[in-house]
Amino acid sequence: MDISLLLEYGWVLLLLIGLEGLLAADNALVLAIMVKHLPEKERRRALFYGLAGAFIFRFASLFIISFLVDVWQVQAIGALYLLFIAINHIARKIYFKNKVHVKVNEKKKSGFWGTVIKVELADIAFAVDSILAAVALAMTLPNTDLPTIGGMDGGKFLVIFTGGLIGLIIMRFAANFFVKLLGAKPGLEIAAFVIVGWVGVKLAVLTLSHPDVNIISYTFAHSFEWKLTFYSVLIAIAVAGWFLSKDNTSKE
C-alpha cells in the first residue's frame, strides 16, 4: 500500500479513536448507572456480556451497511440522523441542562439478566451513532488493493471496524480517563457532538453528489479541496472545544 494512502488511513483512524473516546465517556457513565445496583462480580459480568453482544452487533451491522452504503437514500437517512443527534444533544446540554433530572426507582431494579438486556440495548444505540459517523468519515478515503468485505472496500471496512472495536475497548477500560477529561474540559462534549454534526454534513455532501441525485459535483465531494476543508474545520472545532471550555481542573 502506498505511503500516502497509509498516512491518510492512519489519520482517519486516529480521528475515529478520538471521537469514539469522547462519545464513549458519556456512554460509559450511562452503563455505570445501569449496573451499579448489582453486586460487583455481577456488575462486571453484565458489562462483559453487554459489550460482547455489542461487538457482534457492530460487526453484523457494519457488514450489512457495507452493502447499502452506496444507496443514496441510506446515505441521506444517515446524514439526517447524525445531524439530529448532534443538534438534539447540544440543545439539551445548553438549554435544558438545569431541567434534566435522572429518576431512579428504588423499588424496581432489574435482576442480572434484565440488566444485561438493558446494557445490550444501550450498547446497540451507541453503536448506531458511532458506526454512521465512522462510515461517513471513511467513505471518501481512496480504495485500496485489499479484497472487498461485504460490499465495501477492504481497507475502508477494516478502518471502520478497528475504530469501532477500539471504541468498545475505550468504553470498557479507558472510559475513566475520558470521563475525567470531560470533567476538566466540559466543552469537549459539545465539541464532540458538533463534530458528529459536521460528519453528518459530510455524509449529506456525499448524498447530494451521488450519481442518482447529482445536485453537487461528484468530483467536488471526492476532491482534495473538500477533504482539506472538512478536516480543517473538524480540527478547528476540536481546538475550539479545548480552549473555549471552562477549565475545571482548579476546582477541588
Protein backbone atom coordinates (compact mmCIF):
# COMPACT_ATOMS: atom_id res chain seq x y z
CA MET A 1 0.00 0.00 0.00
CA ASP A 2 1.31 3.47 -0.92
CA ILE A 3 2.75 5.50 1.99
CA SER A 4 0.42 8.46 1.31
CA LEU A 5 -2.54 6.08 1.40
CA LEU A 6 -1.33 4.62 4.70
CA LEU A 7 -0.98 8.11 6.17
CA GLU A 8 -4.50 9.08 5.07
CA TYR A 9 -5.99 5.90 6.52
CA GLY A 10 -3.96 6.31 9.70
CA TRP A 11 -5.17 9.89 10.09
CA VAL A 12 -8.82 8.89 9.75
CA LEU A 13 -8.30 6.04 12.24
CA LEU A 14 -6.81 8.48 14.78
CA LEU A 15 -9.80 10.79 14.30
CA LEU A 16 -12.16 7.86 14.84
CA ILE A 17 -10.35 6.82 18.04
CA GLY A 18 -10.51 10.36 19.44
CA LEU A 19 -14.19 10.76 18.57
CA GLU A 20 -15.03 7.29 19.89
CA GLY A 21 -13.22 8.12 23.13
CA LEU A 22 -15.19 11.30 23.78
CA LEU A 23 -18.51 9.65 22.91
CA ALA A 24 -17.61 6.53 24.93
CA ALA A 25 -17.11 8.61 28.07
CA ASP A 26 -20.77 9.65 28.08
CA ASN A 27 -21.83 6.11 27.18
CA ALA A 28 -19.72 4.61 29.97
CA LEU A 29 -21.41 6.86 32.52
CA VAL A 30 -24.82 5.64 31.38
CA LEU A 31 -23.73 1.99 31.59
CA ALA A 32 -22.22 2.54 35.05
CA ILE A 33 -25.55 3.91 36.31
CA MET A 34 -27.43 0.97 34.76
CA VAL A 35 -25.36 -1.72 36.55
CA LYS A 36 -24.48 -0.01 39.82
CA HIS A 37 -27.27 -1.74 41.78
CA LEU A 38 -25.74 -5.18 41.08
CA PRO A 39 -23.05 -6.83 43.25
CA GLU A 40 -19.54 -6.09 41.97
CA LYS A 41 -18.95 -9.53 40.37
CA GLU A 42 -22.32 -9.47 38.61
CA ARG A 43 -21.71 -5.88 37.57
CA ARG A 44 -18.56 -6.90 35.71
CA ARG A 45 -20.30 -9.87 34.10
CA ALA A 46 -23.24 -7.72 32.98
CA LEU A 47 -20.88 -5.23 31.33
CA PHE A 48 -18.88 -8.05 29.72
CA TYR A 49 -21.97 -9.78 28.27
CA GLY A 50 -23.40 -6.45 27.11
CA LEU A 51 -20.18 -5.41 25.39
CA ALA A 52 -19.74 -8.88 23.83
CA GLY A 53 -23.19 -8.56 22.31
CA ALA A 54 -22.38 -5.04 21.15
CA PHE A 55 -19.25 -6.35 19.41
CA ILE A 56 -21.30 -8.93 17.49
CA PHE A 57 -23.91 -6.30 16.61
CA ARG A 58 -21.29 -3.84 15.36
CA PHE A 59 -19.68 -6.42 13.10
CA ALA A 60 -23.02 -7.65 11.73
CA SER A 61 -24.43 -4.15 11.18
CA LEU A 62 -21.22 -2.94 9.55
CA PHE A 63 -21.34 -5.95 7.21
CA ILE A 64 -24.95 -5.09 6.30
CA ILE A 65 -24.18 -1.37 5.89
CA SER A 66 -21.30 -2.25 3.56
CA PHE A 67 -23.88 -3.46 1.02
CA LEU A 68 -26.10 -0.39 1.43
CA VAL A 69 -23.54 2.37 1.83
CA ASP A 70 -23.74 3.46 -1.82
CA VAL A 71 -27.55 3.70 -1.78
CA TRP A 72 -28.23 7.44 -1.65
CA GLN A 73 -31.42 7.03 0.39
CA VAL A 74 -29.41 5.25 3.10
CA GLN A 75 -26.77 7.99 2.98
CA ALA A 76 -29.49 10.64 3.32
CA ILE A 77 -31.06 8.93 6.33
CA GLY A 78 -27.64 8.59 7.94
CA ALA A 79 -26.85 12.27 7.35
CA LEU A 80 -30.18 13.40 8.82
CA TYR A 81 -29.75 11.08 11.81
CA LEU A 82 -26.25 12.37 12.62
CA LEU A 83 -27.42 15.98 12.32
CA PHE A 84 -30.43 15.21 14.52
CA ILE A 85 -28.48 13.60 17.37
CA ALA A 86 -25.90 16.40 17.27
CA ILE A 87 -28.50 19.20 17.40
CA ASN A 88 -30.64 17.33 19.95
CA HIS A 89 -27.72 16.66 22.30
CA ILE A 90 -26.31 20.19 22.08
CA ALA A 91 -29.76 21.74 22.62
CA ARG A 92 -30.38 19.57 25.69
CA LYS A 93 -26.91 20.28 27.04
CA ILE A 94 -27.12 24.07 26.62
CA TYR A 95 -30.79 24.91 27.08
CA PHE A 96 -32.14 22.14 29.27
CA LYS A 97 -29.15 21.21 31.44
CA ASN A 98 -30.79 22.60 34.56
CA LYS A 99 -34.10 20.85 33.85
CA VAL A 100 -32.83 17.31 33.35
CA HIS A 101 -33.05 15.02 36.35
CA VAL A 102 -32.28 11.34 36.45
CA LYS A 103 -35.03 9.47 38.26
CA VAL A 104 -34.08 6.22 39.91
CA ASN A 105 -36.92 3.98 41.04
CA GLU A 106 -35.55 2.15 44.05
CA LYS A 107 -38.48 -0.28 44.11
CA LYS A 108 -37.99 -1.57 40.56
CA LYS A 109 -34.44 -2.63 39.95
CA SER A 110 -33.75 -5.18 37.24
CA GLY A 111 -32.18 -8.52 38.02
CA PHE A 112 -28.93 -9.68 36.45
CA TRP A 113 -30.26 -10.78 33.05
CA GLY A 114 -32.69 -7.88 32.88
CA THR A 115 -29.75 -5.55 33.40
CA VAL A 116 -27.72 -7.39 30.73
CA ILE A 117 -30.56 -6.84 28.24
CA LYS A 118 -30.71 -3.13 29.11
CA VAL A 119 -26.94 -2.80 28.73
CA GLU A 120 -27.19 -4.65 25.39
CA LEU A 121 -29.87 -2.28 24.08
CA ALA A 122 -27.90 0.77 25.24
CA ASP A 123 -24.75 -0.54 23.55
CA ILE A 124 -26.67 -1.07 20.31
CA ALA A 125 -28.00 2.51 20.43
CA PHE A 126 -24.47 3.82 20.98
CA ALA A 127 -23.16 1.62 18.16
CA VAL A 128 -25.57 3.09 15.60
CA ASP A 129 -24.23 6.60 16.22
CA SER A 130 -20.57 5.63 16.05
CA ILE A 131 -20.93 3.34 13.01
CA LEU A 132 -22.71 6.02 10.97
CA ALA A 133 -20.08 8.62 11.93
CA ALA A 134 -17.27 6.18 11.08
CA VAL A 135 -18.82 5.27 7.71
CA ALA A 136 -19.21 8.95 6.81
CA LEU A 137 -15.57 9.63 7.70
CA ALA A 138 -14.25 6.65 5.76
CA MET A 139 -16.35 6.86 2.60
CA THR A 140 -14.18 9.47 0.85
CA LEU A 141 -10.97 7.53 1.54
CA PRO A 142 -9.33 6.14 -1.60
CA ASN A 143 -9.92 2.47 -2.38
CA THR A 144 -7.14 0.02 -1.57
CA ASP A 145 -5.87 -3.19 -3.15
CA LEU A 146 -7.44 -5.23 -0.34
CA PRO A 147 -10.34 -7.55 -1.27
CA THR A 148 -13.83 -6.26 -0.59
CA ILE A 149 -15.56 -7.26 2.62
CA GLY A 150 -19.31 -7.38 2.18
CA GLY A 151 -19.93 -4.65 -0.35
CA MET A 152 -17.17 -2.29 0.84
CA ASP A 153 -13.50 -1.84 0.03
CA GLY A 154 -11.50 -3.96 2.47
CA GLY A 155 -9.38 -1.02 3.68
CA LYS A 156 -12.42 1.13 4.46
CA PHE A 157 -14.16 -1.77 6.20
CA LEU A 158 -11.12 -2.50 8.36
CA VAL A 159 -10.57 1.12 9.42
CA ILE A 160 -14.25 1.48 10.39
CA PHE A 161 -14.25 -1.87 12.21
CA THR A 162 -10.98 -1.09 14.01
CA GLY A 163 -12.28 2.31 15.12
CA GLY A 164 -15.47 0.71 16.45
CA LEU A 165 -13.56 -2.06 18.22
CA ILE A 166 -11.27 0.47 19.89
CA GLY A 167 -14.38 2.43 20.87
CA LEU A 168 -15.71 -0.62 22.72
CA ILE A 169 -12.35 -1.11 24.45
CA ILE A 170 -12.33 2.55 25.46
CA MET A 171 -15.88 2.24 26.79
CA ARG A 172 -14.87 -0.71 28.94
CA PHE A 173 -11.32 0.08 30.07
CA ALA A 174 -10.28 3.66 29.30
CA ALA A 175 -13.55 5.47 29.94
CA ASN A 176 -12.33 6.83 33.29
CA PHE A 177 -9.65 8.87 31.51
CA PHE A 178 -12.20 10.41 29.15
CA VAL A 179 -14.69 10.97 31.98
CA LYS A 180 -12.00 12.91 33.86
CA LEU A 181 -11.10 14.78 30.68
CA LEU A 182 -14.73 15.81 30.14
CA GLY A 183 -14.92 16.78 33.79
CA ALA A 184 -11.91 19.06 33.38
CA LYS A 185 -12.95 20.34 29.94
CA PRO A 186 -16.76 20.00 29.71
CA GLY A 187 -16.84 21.94 26.45
CA LEU A 188 -15.25 18.95 24.73
CA GLU A 189 -18.53 17.05 24.97
CA ILE A 190 -20.34 19.74 23.00
CA ALA A 191 -17.41 19.87 20.57
CA ALA A 192 -17.65 16.10 20.06
CA PHE A 193 -21.30 16.40 19.04
CA VAL A 194 -20.57 19.42 16.83
CA ILE A 195 -18.06 17.12 15.11
CA VAL A 196 -20.78 14.47 14.78
CA GLY A 197 -22.98 17.10 13.13
CA TRP A 198 -20.13 18.15 10.83
CA VAL A 199 -19.64 14.48 9.87
CA GLY A 200 -23.38 14.48 9.09
CA VAL A 201 -22.74 17.42 6.73
CA LYS A 202 -20.01 15.37 5.03
CA LEU A 203 -22.43 12.48 4.56
CA ALA A 204 -25.00 14.94 3.19
CA VAL A 205 -22.44 16.18 0.64
CA LEU A 206 -21.81 12.56 -0.39
CA THR A 207 -25.57 12.06 -0.77
CA LEU A 208 -26.04 15.19 -2.89
CA SER A 209 -23.10 14.17 -5.11
CA HIS A 210 -24.46 10.66 -5.70
CA PRO A 211 -24.88 10.00 -9.45
CA ASP A 212 -28.63 9.41 -8.97
CA VAL A 213 -29.04 12.78 -7.19
CA ASN A 214 -26.33 14.87 -8.89
CA ILE A 215 -27.02 18.16 -7.08
CA ILE A 216 -23.37 18.60 -6.10
CA SER A 217 -20.50 17.59 -8.36
CA TYR A 218 -19.20 14.08 -7.63
CA THR A 219 -15.69 15.38 -8.34
CA PHE A 220 -16.05 18.07 -5.66
CA ALA A 221 -17.29 15.62 -2.99
CA HIS A 222 -14.18 13.48 -3.52
CA SER A 223 -11.74 16.31 -4.16
CA PHE A 224 -8.64 17.19 -2.16
CA GLU A 225 -10.02 20.70 -1.57
CA TRP A 226 -13.19 19.38 0.08
CA LYS A 227 -11.22 16.90 2.18
CA LEU A 228 -8.86 19.68 3.30
CA THR A 229 -11.82 21.93 4.16
CA PHE A 230 -13.59 19.16 6.05
CA TYR A 231 -10.60 18.13 8.17
CA SER A 232 -9.54 21.76 8.78
CA VAL A 233 -12.99 22.59 10.16
CA LEU A 234 -13.03 19.36 12.18
CA ILE A 235 -9.68 20.21 13.81
CA ALA A 236 -10.83 23.80 14.41
CA ILE A 237 -13.93 22.51 16.24
CA ALA A 238 -11.80 20.24 18.46
CA VAL A 239 -9.30 23.03 19.21
CA ALA A 240 -12.12 25.49 19.97
CA GLY A 241 -13.76 22.93 22.26
CA TRP A 242 -10.49 22.59 24.18
CA PHE A 243 -9.53 26.26 24.51
CA LEU A 244 -13.02 27.75 24.90
CA SER A 245 -14.09 25.19 27.51
CA LYS A 246 -14.17 26.36 31.11
CA ASP A 247 -11.25 24.71 32.90
CA ASN A 248 -12.47 22.81 35.97
CA THR A 249 -9.09 21.35 36.93
CA SER A 250 -8.52 24.05 39.52
CA LYS A 251 -11.72 23.13 41.36
CA GLU A 252 -11.18 20.84 44.29
